[in-house]
């Protein structure tokens, strides 16, 4: 028996996300201090950092919306293909030699295209 419990995968992912978030907060703090060093007032630097954060959130939301629309459209296409009848259907009429010569005939044997008979 070991002296320490094993971390679950969820706990490791949570710790990784926490470290990433803290790293982003540090980078934001460095950006604000750099802007203040350039002579921008502290409230202006804070507003700029918030605008940058909000633009990243909007970018992520728009990407997820586009991804959701693509998945939904693919689902609709797949559903339409699954419900469609793609089997080969023989035509009701066909070109062939029949009683009145070569022409367009129905399945019953009647010629339906305009033709001139030899009797006329």
Protein backbone atom coordinates (compact mmCIF):
# COMPACT_ATOMS: atom_id res chain seq x y z
CA UNK A 1 0.00 0.00 0.00
CA UNK A 2 1.39 3.37 -1.05
CA UNK A 3 1.54 6.34 1.25
CA UNK A 4 -0.31 8.76 -1.06
CA UNK A 5 -3.61 8.42 -2.90
CA UNK A 6 -3.60 8.37 -6.67
CA UNK A 7 -5.06 11.43 -8.40
CA UNK A 8 -7.98 10.79 -10.73
CA UNK A 9 -7.95 11.94 -14.33
CA UNK A 10 -10.59 14.59 -13.57
CA UNK A 11 -8.44 16.00 -10.78
CA UNK A 12 -5.39 16.16 -13.04
CA UNK A 13 -7.39 17.95 -15.74
CA UNK A 14 -8.75 20.37 -13.16
CA UNK A 15 -5.28 21.14 -11.85
CA UNK A 16 -4.02 21.65 -15.42
CA UNK A 17 -6.88 24.06 -16.18
CA UNK A 18 -6.23 25.91 -12.92
CA UNK A 19 -2.54 26.33 -13.76
CA UNK A 20 -3.45 27.56 -17.24
CA UNK A 21 -5.90 30.10 -15.80
CA UNK A 22 -3.37 31.39 -13.27
CA UNK A 23 -0.82 31.69 -16.09
CA UNK A 24 -3.26 33.76 -18.14
CA UNK A 25 -3.94 36.01 -15.14
CA UNK A 26 -0.18 36.54 -14.73
CA UNK A 27 0.15 37.47 -18.40
CA UNK A 28 -2.73 39.91 -18.04
CA UNK A 29 -1.04 41.46 -15.00
CA UNK A 30 2.21 41.79 -16.99
CA UNK A 31 0.27 43.49 -19.82
CA UNK A 32 -1.33 45.96 -17.41
CA UNK A 33 2.02 46.78 -15.78
CA UNK A 34 3.61 47.23 -19.21
CA UNK A 35 0.81 49.59 -20.27
CA UNK A 36 1.15 51.54 -17.04
CA UNK A 37 4.89 51.73 -17.71
CA UNK A 38 4.12 53.29 -21.09
CA UNK A 39 2.19 56.07 -19.33
CA UNK A 40 -1.38 54.83 -19.66
CA UNK A 41 -3.43 55.38 -16.48
CA UNK A 42 -4.24 52.28 -14.40
CA UNK A 43 -8.02 52.37 -15.09
CA UNK A 44 -7.31 52.62 -18.83
CA UNK A 45 -4.93 49.66 -18.67
CA UNK A 46 -7.52 47.68 -16.74
CA UNK A 47 -10.22 48.57 -19.29
CA UNK A 48 -7.93 47.51 -22.13
CA UNK A 49 -7.26 44.17 -20.43
CA UNK A 50 -11.02 43.64 -19.96
CA UNK A 51 -11.68 44.48 -23.61
CA UNK A 52 -9.02 41.98 -24.61
CA UNK A 53 -10.60 39.33 -22.38
CA UNK A 54 -14.10 40.02 -23.73
CA UNK A 55 -12.89 39.86 -27.32
CA UNK A 56 -11.34 36.43 -26.62
CA UNK A 57 -14.65 35.24 -25.14
CA UNK A 58 -16.60 36.54 -28.15
CA UNK A 59 -14.14 34.84 -30.49
CA UNK A 60 -14.57 31.52 -28.67
CA UNK A 61 -18.36 31.84 -28.67
CA UNK A 62 -18.50 32.64 -32.38
CA UNK A 63 -16.23 29.68 -33.14
CA UNK A 64 -18.43 27.37 -31.09
CA UNK A 65 -21.55 28.73 -32.81
CA UNK A 66 -20.06 28.09 -36.27
CA UNK A 67 -19.00 24.61 -35.19
CA UNK A 68 -22.51 23.89 -33.87
CA UNK A 69 -24.06 25.09 -37.15
CA UNK A 70 -21.74 22.83 -39.16
CA UNK A 71 -22.56 19.82 -36.99
CA UNK A 72 -26.29 20.56 -37.19
CA UNK A 73 -26.22 20.94 -40.97
CA UNK A 74 -24.29 17.68 -41.33
CA UNK A 75 -26.87 16.01 -39.11
CA UNK A 76 -29.69 17.36 -41.30
CA UNK A 77 -27.96 16.15 -44.47
CA UNK A 78 -27.40 12.72 -42.95
CA UNK A 79 -31.00 12.53 -41.83
CA UNK A 80 -32.20 13.50 -45.31
CA UNK A 81 -30.01 10.90 -46.96
CA UNK A 82 -31.17 8.24 -44.53
CA UNK A 83 -34.83 8.99 -45.25
CA UNK A 84 -34.51 9.32 -49.02
CA UNK A 85 -35.18 6.56 -51.48
CA UNK A 86 -31.99 6.19 -53.47
CA UNK A 87 -32.96 2.93 -55.13
CA UNK A 88 -32.94 2.74 -58.93
CA UNK A 89 -36.37 3.15 -60.44
CA UNK A 90 -37.06 2.01 -63.98
CA UNK A 91 -38.56 4.72 -66.15
CA UNK A 92 -42.25 4.63 -67.00
CA UNK A 93 -41.47 5.22 -70.67
CA UNK A 94 -38.59 4.09 -72.85
CA UNK A 95 -37.27 4.35 -76.39
CA UNK A 96 -37.69 1.04 -78.23
CA UNK A 97 -38.98 -0.73 -81.32
CA UNK A 98 -42.66 -1.46 -81.02
CA UNK A 99 -45.82 -2.10 -83.05
CA UNK A 100 -45.65 1.35 -84.69
CA UNK A 101 -41.87 1.38 -85.23
CA UNK A 102 -39.10 2.93 -83.18
CA UNK A 103 -40.40 5.48 -80.67
CA UNK A 104 -41.23 6.38 -77.10
CA UNK A 105 -43.46 3.68 -75.59
CA UNK A 106 -45.16 3.26 -72.22
CA UNK A 107 -45.07 0.00 -70.30
CA UNK A 108 -48.48 -0.88 -71.74
CA UNK A 109 -47.11 -0.73 -75.29
CA UNK A 110 -48.69 2.55 -76.41
CA UNK A 111 -46.53 4.97 -78.40
CA UNK A 112 -46.69 8.46 -76.93
CA UNK A 113 -44.30 10.49 -79.08
CA UNK A 114 -45.62 12.34 -82.13
CA UNK A 115 -44.98 10.32 -85.25
CA UNK A 116 -46.07 10.10 -88.84
CA UNK A 117 -47.43 6.74 -89.85
CA UNK A 118 -46.87 5.31 -93.32
CA UNK A 119 -50.63 5.22 -93.88
CA UNK A 120 -50.90 9.04 -93.81
